[in-house]
PDB file of N, CA and C in Angstrom:
ATOM      1  N   UNK A   1      33.363  20.434  20.354  1.00  0.00           N
ATOM      2  CA  UNK A   1      32.500  19.287  20.390  1.00  0.00           C
ATOM      3  C   UNK A   1      33.336  18.014  20.317  1.00  0.00           C
ATOM      4  N   UNK A   2      32.937  17.025  21.076  1.00  0.00           N
ATOM      5  CA  UNK A   2      33.648  15.748  21.039  1.00  0.00           C
ATOM      6  C   UNK A   2      33.334  15.015  19.739  1.00  0.00           C
ATOM      7  N   UNK A   3      34.256  14.141  19.363  1.00  0.00           N
ATOM      8  CA  UNK A   3      34.062  13.361  18.145  1.00  0.00           C
ATOM      9  C   UNK A   3      32.814  12.493  18.231  1.00  0.00           C
ATOM     10  N   UNK A   4      32.517  11.944  19.412  1.00  0.00           N
ATOM     11  CA  UNK A   4      31.342  11.088  19.549  1.00  0.00           C
ATOM     12  C   UNK A   4      30.053  11.890  19.372  1.00  0.00           C
ATOM     13  N   UNK A   5      30.024  13.130  19.852  1.00  0.00           N
ATOM     14  CA  UNK A   5      28.846  13.982  19.672  1.00  0.00           C
ATOM     15  C   UNK A   5      28.630  14.329  18.203  1.00  0.00           C
ATOM     16  N   UNK A   6      29.713  14.579  17.488  1.00  0.00           N
ATOM     17  CA  UNK A   6      29.626  14.889  16.064  1.00  0.00           C
ATOM     18  C   UNK A   6      29.089  13.673  15.300  1.00  0.00           C
ATOM     19  N   UNK A   7      29.565  12.494  15.655  1.00  0.00           N
ATOM     20  CA  UNK A   7      29.113  11.271  14.995  1.00  0.00           C
ATOM     21  C   UNK A   7      27.627  11.037  15.238  1.00  0.00           C
ATOM     22  N   UNK A   8      27.166  11.251  16.455  1.00  0.00           N
ATOM     23  CA  UNK A   8      25.756  11.068  16.779  1.00  0.00           C
ATOM     24  C   UNK A   8      24.902  12.096  16.028  1.00  0.00           C
ATOM     25  N   UNK A   9      25.330  13.336  16.013  1.00  0.00           N
ATOM     26  CA  UNK A   9      24.592  14.386  15.311  1.00  0.00           C
ATOM     27  C   UNK A   9      24.507  14.087  13.818  1.00  0.00           C
ATOM     28  N   UNK A  10      25.579  13.605  13.237  1.00  0.00           N
ATOM     29  CA  UNK A  10      25.596  13.253  11.822  1.00  0.00           C
ATOM     30  C   UNK A  10      24.642  12.091  11.550  1.00  0.00           C
ATOM     31  N   UNK A  11      24.660  11.085  12.414  1.00  0.00           N
ATOM     32  CA  UNK A  11      23.781   9.930  12.244  1.00  0.00           C
ATOM     33  C   UNK A  11      22.309  10.338  12.341  1.00  0.00           C
ATOM     34  N   UNK A  12      21.979  11.170  13.302  1.00  0.00           N
ATOM     35  CA  UNK A  12      20.594  11.618  13.464  1.00  0.00           C
ATOM     36  C   UNK A  12      20.152  12.444  12.254  1.00  0.00           C
ATOM     37  N   UNK A  13      20.997  13.309  11.771  1.00  0.00           N
ATOM     38  CA  UNK A  13      20.673  14.114  10.591  1.00  0.00           C
ATOM     39  C   UNK A  13      20.425  13.223   9.378  1.00  0.00           C
ATOM     40  N   UNK A  14      21.254  12.219   9.224  1.00  0.00           N
ATOM     41  CA  UNK A  14      21.092  11.276   8.112  1.00  0.00           C
ATOM     42  C   UNK A  14      19.781  10.518   8.191  1.00  0.00           C
ATOM     43  N   UNK A  15      19.406  10.079   9.386  1.00  0.00           N
ATOM     44  CA  UNK A  15      18.145   9.358   9.554  1.00  0.00           C
ATOM     45  C   UNK A  15      16.942  10.246   9.262  1.00  0.00           C
ATOM     46  N   UNK A  16      17.001  11.492   9.699  1.00  0.00           N
ATOM     47  CA  UNK A  16      15.909  12.423   9.419  1.00  0.00           C
ATOM     48  C   UNK A  16      15.770  12.674   7.922  1.00  0.00           C
ATOM     49  N   UNK A  17      16.871  12.828   7.240  1.00  0.00           N
ATOM     50  CA  UNK A  17      16.838  13.037   5.794  1.00  0.00           C
ATOM     51  C   UNK A  17      16.279  11.810   5.081  1.00  0.00           C
ATOM     52  N   UNK A  18      16.672  10.631   5.525  1.00  0.00           N
ATOM     53  CA  UNK A  18      16.191   9.388   4.932  1.00  0.00           C
ATOM     54  C   UNK A  18      14.686   9.231   5.143  1.00  0.00           C
ATOM     55  N   UNK A  19      14.216   9.549   6.340  1.00  0.00           N
ATOM     56  CA  UNK A  19      12.784   9.446   6.639  1.00  0.00           C
ATOM     57  C   UNK A  19      11.983  10.405   5.766  1.00  0.00           C
ATOM     58  N   UNK A  20      12.470  11.606   5.572  1.00  0.00           N
ATOM     59  CA  UNK A  20      11.791  12.574   4.719  1.00  0.00           C
ATOM     60  C   UNK A  20      11.711  12.112   3.282  1.00  0.00           C
ATOM     61  N   UNK A  21      12.775  11.522   2.790  1.00  0.00           N
ATOM     62  CA  UNK A  21      12.793  10.995   1.426  1.00  0.00           C
ATOM     63  C   UNK A  21      11.811   9.849   1.285  1.00  0.00           C
ATOM     64  N   UNK A  22      11.757   8.959   2.261  1.00  0.00           N
ATOM     65  CA  UNK A  22      10.841   7.818   2.217  1.00  0.00           C
ATOM     66  C   UNK A  22       9.395   8.276   2.216  1.00  0.00           C
ATOM     67  N   UNK A  23       9.056   9.276   2.998  1.00  0.00           N
ATOM     68  CA  UNK A  23       7.687   9.780   3.038  1.00  0.00           C
ATOM     69  C   UNK A  23       7.286  10.404   1.714  1.00  0.00           C
ATOM     70  N   UNK A  24       8.183  11.135   1.112  1.00  0.00           N
ATOM     71  CA  UNK A  24       7.901  11.765  -0.172  1.00  0.00           C
ATOM     72  C   UNK A  24       7.699  10.718  -1.251  1.00  0.00           C
ATOM     73  N   UNK A  25       8.536   9.702  -1.283  1.00  0.00           N
ATOM     74  CA  UNK A  25       8.432   8.637  -2.272  1.00  0.00           C
ATOM     75  C   UNK A  25       7.147   7.856  -2.094  1.00  0.00           C
ATOM     76  N   UNK A  26       6.774   7.534  -0.871  1.00  0.00           N
ATOM     77  CA  UNK A  26       5.562   6.780  -0.597  1.00  0.00           C
ATOM     78  C   UNK A  26       4.334   7.550  -1.060  1.00  0.00           C
ATOM     79  N   UNK A  27       4.284   8.828  -0.824  1.00  0.00           N
ATOM     80  CA  UNK A  27       3.145   9.645  -1.237  1.00  0.00           C
ATOM     81  C   UNK A  27       3.007   9.665  -2.748  1.00  0.00           C
ATOM     82  N   UNK A  28       4.094   9.776  -3.448  1.00  0.00           N
ATOM     83  CA  UNK A  28       4.051   9.816  -4.907  1.00  0.00           C
ATOM     84  C   UNK A  28       3.576   8.480  -5.470  1.00  0.00           C
ATOM     85  N   UNK A  29       4.013   7.384  -4.887  1.00  0.00           N
ATOM     86  CA  UNK A  29       3.611   6.062  -5.355  1.00  0.00           C
ATOM     87  C   UNK A  29       2.135   5.828  -5.069  1.00  0.00           C
ATOM     88  N   UNK A  30       1.656   6.212  -3.896  1.00  0.00           N
ATOM     89  CA  UNK A  30       0.256   6.002  -3.532  1.00  0.00           C
ATOM     90  C   UNK A  30      -0.677   6.783  -4.448  1.00  0.00           C
ATOM     91  N   UNK A  31      -0.258   7.924  -4.922  1.00  0.00           N
ATOM     92  CA  UNK A  31      -1.094   8.744  -5.787  1.00  0.00           C
ATOM     93  C   UNK A  31      -1.303   8.096  -7.155  1.00  0.00           C
ATOM     94  N   UNK A  32      -0.447   7.188  -7.551  1.00  0.00           N
ATOM     95  CA  UNK A  32      -0.521   6.560  -8.859  1.00  0.00           C
ATOM     96  C   UNK A  32      -1.202   5.197  -8.812  1.00  0.00           C
ATOM     97  N   UNK A  33      -1.888   4.870  -7.723  1.00  0.00           N
ATOM     98  CA  UNK A  33      -2.541   3.572  -7.576  1.00  0.00           C
ATOM     99  C   UNK A  33      -4.030   3.764  -7.346  1.00  0.00           C
ATOM    100  N   UNK A  34      -4.800   2.697  -7.570  1.00  0.00           N
ATOM    101  CA  UNK A  34      -6.231   2.719  -7.331  1.00  0.00           C
ATOM    102  C   UNK A  34      -6.680   1.372  -6.772  1.00  0.00           C
ATOM    103  N   UNK A  35      -7.836   1.377  -6.110  1.00  0.00           N
ATOM    104  CA  UNK A  35      -8.406   0.145  -5.575  1.00  0.00           C
ATOM    105  C   UNK A  35      -9.049  -0.625  -6.715  1.00  0.00           C
ATOM    106  N   UNK A  36      -8.833  -1.942  -6.726  1.00  0.00           N
ATOM    107  CA  UNK A  36      -9.424  -2.796  -7.745  1.00  0.00           C
ATOM    108  C   UNK A  36     -10.101  -3.966  -7.035  1.00  0.00           C
ATOM    109  N   UNK A  37     -11.419  -4.012  -7.103  1.00  0.00           N
ATOM    110  CA  UNK A  37     -12.216  -5.026  -6.423  1.00  0.00           C
ATOM    111  C   UNK A  37     -12.447  -6.238  -7.311  1.00  0.00           C
ATOM    112  N   UNK A  38     -12.576  -7.397  -6.681  1.00  0.00           N
ATOM    113  CA  UNK A  38     -12.964  -8.610  -7.383  1.00  0.00           C
ATOM    114  C   UNK A  38     -11.844  -9.362  -8.063  1.00  0.00           C
ATOM    115  N   UNK A  39     -10.595  -8.993  -7.847  1.00  0.00           N
ATOM    116  CA  UNK A  39      -9.489  -9.687  -8.519  1.00  0.00           C
ATOM    117  C   UNK A  39      -8.470 -10.286  -7.542  1.00  0.00           C
ATOM    118  N   UNK A  40      -8.633 -10.027  -6.253  1.00  0.00           N
ATOM    119  CA  UNK A  40      -7.666 -10.522  -5.265  1.00  0.00           C
ATOM    120  C   UNK A  40      -7.807 -12.032  -5.084  1.00  0.00           C
ATOM    121  N   UNK A  41      -6.709 -12.706  -4.952  1.00  0.00           N
ATOM    122  CA  UNK A  41      -6.712 -14.124  -4.620  1.00  0.00           C
ATOM    123  C   UNK A  41      -7.099 -14.276  -3.153  1.00  0.00           C
ATOM    124  N   UNK A  42      -7.602 -15.439  -2.791  1.00  0.00           N
ATOM    125  CA  UNK A  42      -7.996 -15.692  -1.402  1.00  0.00           C
ATOM    126  C   UNK A  42      -6.815 -15.418  -0.473  1.00  0.00           C
ATOM    127  N   UNK A  43      -7.063 -14.610   0.559  1.00  0.00           N
ATOM    128  CA  UNK A  43      -6.031 -14.285   1.538  1.00  0.00           C
ATOM    129  C   UNK A  43      -5.017 -13.253   1.092  1.00  0.00           C
ATOM    130  N   UNK A  44      -5.229 -12.610  -0.036  1.00  0.00           N
ATOM    131  CA  UNK A  44      -4.248 -11.647  -0.565  1.00  0.00           C
ATOM    132  C   UNK A  44      -4.809 -10.235  -0.709  1.00  0.00           C
ATOM    133  N   UNK A  45      -5.990  -9.963  -0.131  1.00  0.00           N
ATOM    134  CA  UNK A  45      -6.564  -8.620  -0.250  1.00  0.00           C
ATOM    135  C   UNK A  45      -5.768  -7.616   0.567  1.00  0.00           C
ATOM    136  N   UNK A  46      -5.853  -6.341   0.190  1.00  0.00           N
ATOM    137  CA  UNK A  46      -5.064  -5.284   0.821  1.00  0.00           C
ATOM    138  C   UNK A  46      -5.705  -4.658   2.053  1.00  0.00           C
ATOM    139  N   UNK A  47      -7.005  -4.808   2.238  1.00  0.00           N
ATOM    140  CA  UNK A  47      -7.651  -4.144   3.366  1.00  0.00           C
ATOM    141  C   UNK A  47      -8.878  -4.926   3.803  1.00  0.00           C
ATOM    142  N   UNK A  48      -9.543  -4.423   4.829  1.00  0.00           N
ATOM    143  CA  UNK A  48     -10.734  -5.081   5.358  1.00  0.00           C
ATOM    144  C   UNK A  48     -11.838  -5.171   4.306  1.00  0.00           C
ATOM    145  N   UNK A  49     -12.731  -6.148   4.472  1.00  0.00           N
ATOM    146  CA  UNK A  49     -13.890  -6.306   3.600  1.00  0.00           C
ATOM    147  C   UNK A  49     -15.151  -6.162   4.442  1.00  0.00           C
ATOM    148  N   UNK A  50     -16.298  -6.318   3.836  1.00  0.00           N
ATOM    149  CA  UNK A  50     -17.556  -6.246   4.586  1.00  0.00           C
ATOM    150  C   UNK A  50     -17.683  -7.400   5.571  1.00  0.00           C
ATOM    151  N   UNK A  51     -17.006  -8.516   5.305  1.00  0.00           N
ATOM    152  CA  UNK A  51     -17.136  -9.697   6.153  1.00  0.00           C
ATOM    153  C   UNK A  51     -15.907  -9.998   6.998  1.00  0.00           C
ATOM    154  N   UNK A  52     -14.864  -9.187   6.876  1.00  0.00           N
ATOM    155  CA  UNK A  52     -13.660  -9.391   7.688  1.00  0.00           C
ATOM    156  C   UNK A  52     -13.032  -8.054   8.041  1.00  0.00           C
ATOM    157  N   UNK A  53     -12.210  -8.054   9.071  1.00  0.00           N
ATOM    158  CA  UNK A  53     -11.690  -6.779   9.572  1.00  0.00           C
ATOM    159  C   UNK A  53     -10.214  -6.536   9.279  1.00  0.00           C
ATOM    160  N   UNK A  54      -9.567  -7.423   8.552  1.00  0.00           N
ATOM    161  CA  UNK A  54      -8.129  -7.275   8.331  1.00  0.00           C
ATOM    162  C   UNK A  54      -7.747  -7.553   6.880  1.00  0.00           C
ATOM    163  N   UNK A  55      -6.605  -7.036   6.501  1.00  0.00           N
ATOM    164  CA  UNK A  55      -6.044  -7.355   5.196  1.00  0.00           C
ATOM    165  C   UNK A  55      -5.633  -8.822   5.186  1.00  0.00           C
ATOM    166  N   UNK A  56      -5.680  -9.437   4.028  1.00  0.00           N
ATOM    167  CA  UNK A  56      -5.245 -10.825   3.902  1.00  0.00           C
ATOM    168  C   UNK A  56      -6.250 -11.836   4.433  1.00  0.00           C
ATOM    169  N   UNK A  57      -7.523 -11.461   4.520  1.00  0.00           N
ATOM    170  CA  UNK A  57      -8.518 -12.378   5.088  1.00  0.00           C
ATOM    171  C   UNK A  57      -9.655 -12.704   4.135  1.00  0.00           C
ATOM    172  N   UNK A  58      -9.519 -12.372   2.864  1.00  0.00           N
ATOM    173  CA  UNK A  58     -10.583 -12.744   1.926  1.00  0.00           C
ATOM    174  C   UNK A  58     -10.652 -14.267   1.855  1.00  0.00           C
ATOM    175  N   UNK A  59     -11.860 -14.776   1.692  1.00  0.00           N
ATOM    176  CA  UNK A  59     -12.083 -16.223   1.780  1.00  0.00           C
ATOM    177  C   UNK A  59     -11.969 -16.951   0.442  1.00  0.00           C
ATOM    178  N   UNK A  60     -12.285 -16.275  -0.648  1.00  0.00           N
ATOM    179  CA  UNK A  60     -12.273 -16.910  -1.960  1.00  0.00           C
ATOM    180  C   UNK A  60     -11.580 -16.015  -2.981  1.00  0.00           C
ATOM    181  N   UNK A  61     -11.120 -16.617  -4.058  1.00  0.00           N
ATOM    182  CA  UNK A  61     -10.562 -15.839  -5.160  1.00  0.00           C
ATOM    183  C   UNK A  61     -11.660 -14.970  -5.760  1.00  0.00           C
ATOM    184  N   UNK A  62     -11.351 -13.728  -6.077  1.00  0.00           N
ATOM    185  CA  UNK A  62     -12.296 -12.840  -6.740  1.00  0.00           C
ATOM    186  C   UNK A  62     -13.441 -12.359  -5.868  1.00  0.00           C
ATOM    187  N   UNK A  63     -13.254 -12.363  -4.562  1.00  0.00           N
ATOM    188  CA  UNK A  63     -14.312 -11.881  -3.658  1.00  0.00           C
ATOM    189  C   UNK A  63     -14.663 -10.448  -4.035  1.00  0.00           C
ATOM    190  N   UNK A  64     -15.946 -10.169  -4.246  1.00  0.00           N
ATOM    191  CA  UNK A  64     -16.384  -8.896  -4.822  1.00  0.00           C
ATOM    192  C   UNK A  64     -16.166  -7.682  -3.920  1.00  0.00           C
ATOM    193  N   UNK A  65     -16.024  -7.878  -2.596  1.00  0.00           N
ATOM    194  CA  UNK A  65     -15.800  -6.725  -1.712  1.00  0.00           C
ATOM    195  C   UNK A  65     -14.360  -6.631  -1.224  1.00  0.00           C
ATOM    196  N   UNK A  66     -13.467  -7.451  -1.782  1.00  0.00           N
ATOM    197  CA  UNK A  66     -12.042  -7.420  -1.420  1.00  0.00           C
ATOM    198  C   UNK A  66     -11.263  -6.732  -2.546  1.00  0.00           C
ATOM    199  N   UNK A  67     -10.353  -5.842  -2.169  1.00  0.00           N
ATOM    200  CA  UNK A  67      -9.597  -5.137  -3.204  1.00  0.00           C
ATOM    201  C   UNK A  67      -8.099  -5.299  -3.012  1.00  0.00           C
ATOM    202  N   UNK A  68      -7.381  -5.005  -4.084  1.00  0.00           N
ATOM    203  CA  UNK A  68      -5.926  -4.859  -4.053  1.00  0.00           C
ATOM    204  C   UNK A  68      -5.624  -3.518  -4.720  1.00  0.00           C
ATOM    205  N   UNK A  69      -4.498  -2.946  -4.372  1.00  0.00           N
ATOM    206  CA  UNK A  69      -4.066  -1.689  -4.997  1.00  0.00           C
ATOM    207  C   UNK A  69      -3.288  -2.036  -6.260  1.00  0.00           C
ATOM    208  N   UNK A  70      -3.670  -1.413  -7.353  1.00  0.00           N
ATOM    209  CA  UNK A  70      -3.011  -1.648  -8.638  1.00  0.00           C
ATOM    210  C   UNK A  70      -2.654  -0.296  -9.262  1.00  0.00           C
ATOM    211  N   UNK A  71      -1.720  -0.283 -10.202  1.00  0.00           N
ATOM    212  CA  UNK A  71      -1.396   0.973 -10.884  1.00  0.00           C
ATOM    213  C   UNK A  71      -2.646   1.546 -11.563  1.00  0.00           C
ATOM    214  N   UNK A  72      -2.770   2.846 -11.532  1.00  0.00           N
ATOM    215  CA  UNK A  72      -3.933   3.533 -12.113  1.00  0.00           C
ATOM    216  C   UNK A  72      -4.109   3.128 -13.571  1.00  0.00           C
ATOM    217  N   UNK A  73      -5.340   2.763 -13.941  1.00  0.00           N
ATOM    218  CA  UNK A  73      -5.649   2.363 -15.309  1.00  0.00           C
ATOM    219  C   UNK A  73      -5.614   0.860 -15.539  1.00  0.00           C
ATOM    220  N   UNK A  74      -5.006   0.091 -14.646  1.00  0.00           N
ATOM    221  CA  UNK A  74      -4.907  -1.352 -14.838  1.00  0.00           C
ATOM    222  C   UNK A  74      -6.218  -2.054 -14.496  1.00  0.00           C
ATOM    223  N   UNK A  75      -6.914  -1.601 -13.482  1.00  0.00           N
ATOM    224  CA  UNK A  75      -8.122  -2.288 -13.016  1.00  0.00           C
ATOM    225  C   UNK A  75      -9.144  -2.459 -14.135  1.00  0.00           C
ATOM    226  N   UNK A  76      -9.349  -1.431 -14.925  1.00  0.00           N
ATOM    227  CA  UNK A  76     -10.354  -1.497 -15.991  1.00  0.00           C
ATOM    228  C   UNK A  76     -10.017  -2.539 -17.043  1.00  0.00           C
ATOM    229  N   UNK A  77      -8.767  -2.975 -17.107  1.00  0.00           N
ATOM    230  CA  UNK A  77      -8.339  -3.964 -18.097  1.00  0.00           C
ATOM    231  C   UNK A  77      -8.364  -5.393 -17.565  1.00  0.00           C
ATOM    232  N   UNK A  78      -8.583  -5.578 -16.250  1.00  0.00           N
ATOM    233  CA  UNK A  78      -8.582  -6.914 -15.663  1.00  0.00           C
ATOM    234  C   UNK A  78      -9.965  -7.550 -15.733  1.00  0.00           C
ATOM    235  N   UNK A  79     -10.030  -8.812 -16.133  1.00  0.00           N
ATOM    236  CA  UNK A  79     -11.280  -9.538 -16.246  1.00  0.00           C
ATOM    237  C   UNK A  79     -11.936  -9.712 -14.877  1.00  0.00           C
ATOM    238  N   UNK A  80     -13.188  -9.357 -14.745  1.00  0.00           N
ATOM    239  CA  UNK A  80     -13.924  -9.532 -13.504  1.00  0.00           C
ATOM    240  C   UNK A  80     -13.672  -8.455 -12.472  1.00  0.00           C
ATOM    241  N   UNK A  81     -12.996  -7.387 -12.861  1.00  0.00           N
ATOM    242  CA  UNK A  81     -12.647  -6.335 -11.914  1.00  0.00           C
ATOM    243  C   UNK A  81     -13.693  -5.241 -11.863  1.00  0.00           C
ATOM    244  N   UNK A  82     -13.614  -4.449 -10.788  1.00  0.00           N
ATOM    245  CA  UNK A  82     -14.502  -3.308 -10.623  1.00  0.00           C
ATOM    246  C   UNK A  82     -13.783  -2.260  -9.795  1.00  0.00           C
ATOM    247  N   UNK A  83     -14.078  -0.998 -10.045  1.00  0.00           N
ATOM    248  CA  UNK A  83     -13.467   0.057  -9.233  1.00  0.00           C
ATOM    249  C   UNK A  83     -14.314   0.352  -7.999  1.00  0.00           C
ATOM    250  N   UNK A  84     -15.419  -0.380  -7.827  1.00  0.00           N
ATOM    251  CA  UNK A  84     -16.295  -0.229  -6.655  1.00  0.00           C
ATOM    252  C   UNK A  84     -16.618  -1.596  -6.079  1.00  0.00           C
ATOM    253  N   UNK A  85     -16.808  -1.658  -4.755  1.00  0.00           N
ATOM    254  CA  UNK A  85     -17.185  -2.908  -4.083  1.00  0.00           C
ATOM    255  C   UNK A  85     -18.610  -3.275  -4.471  1.00  0.00           C
ATOM    256  N   UNK A  86     -18.857  -4.549  -4.596  1.00  0.00           N
ATOM    257  CA  UNK A  86     -20.219  -5.014  -4.918  1.00  0.00           C
ATOM    258  C   UNK A  86     -20.775  -5.840  -3.789  1.00  0.00           C
TER     259      UNK A  86
END
């Protein structure tokens, strides 16, 4: 095998390993979070709302149908928060 082929094969193997690690880490982090409604600042929500179709489009602070992802257990401690959209 040529040196250039070995280098390419090594680089591809490294990228595949890195991608696998990133996917595993992301899944573990997502499992430890929950949606928290009513606490997002205007324009800082994580996903679509009943009145908009994109993240980052909430119109006012504390919009009741806009959520952000927070560590599990934190939402219940935040003033004005809810684990369900209102």
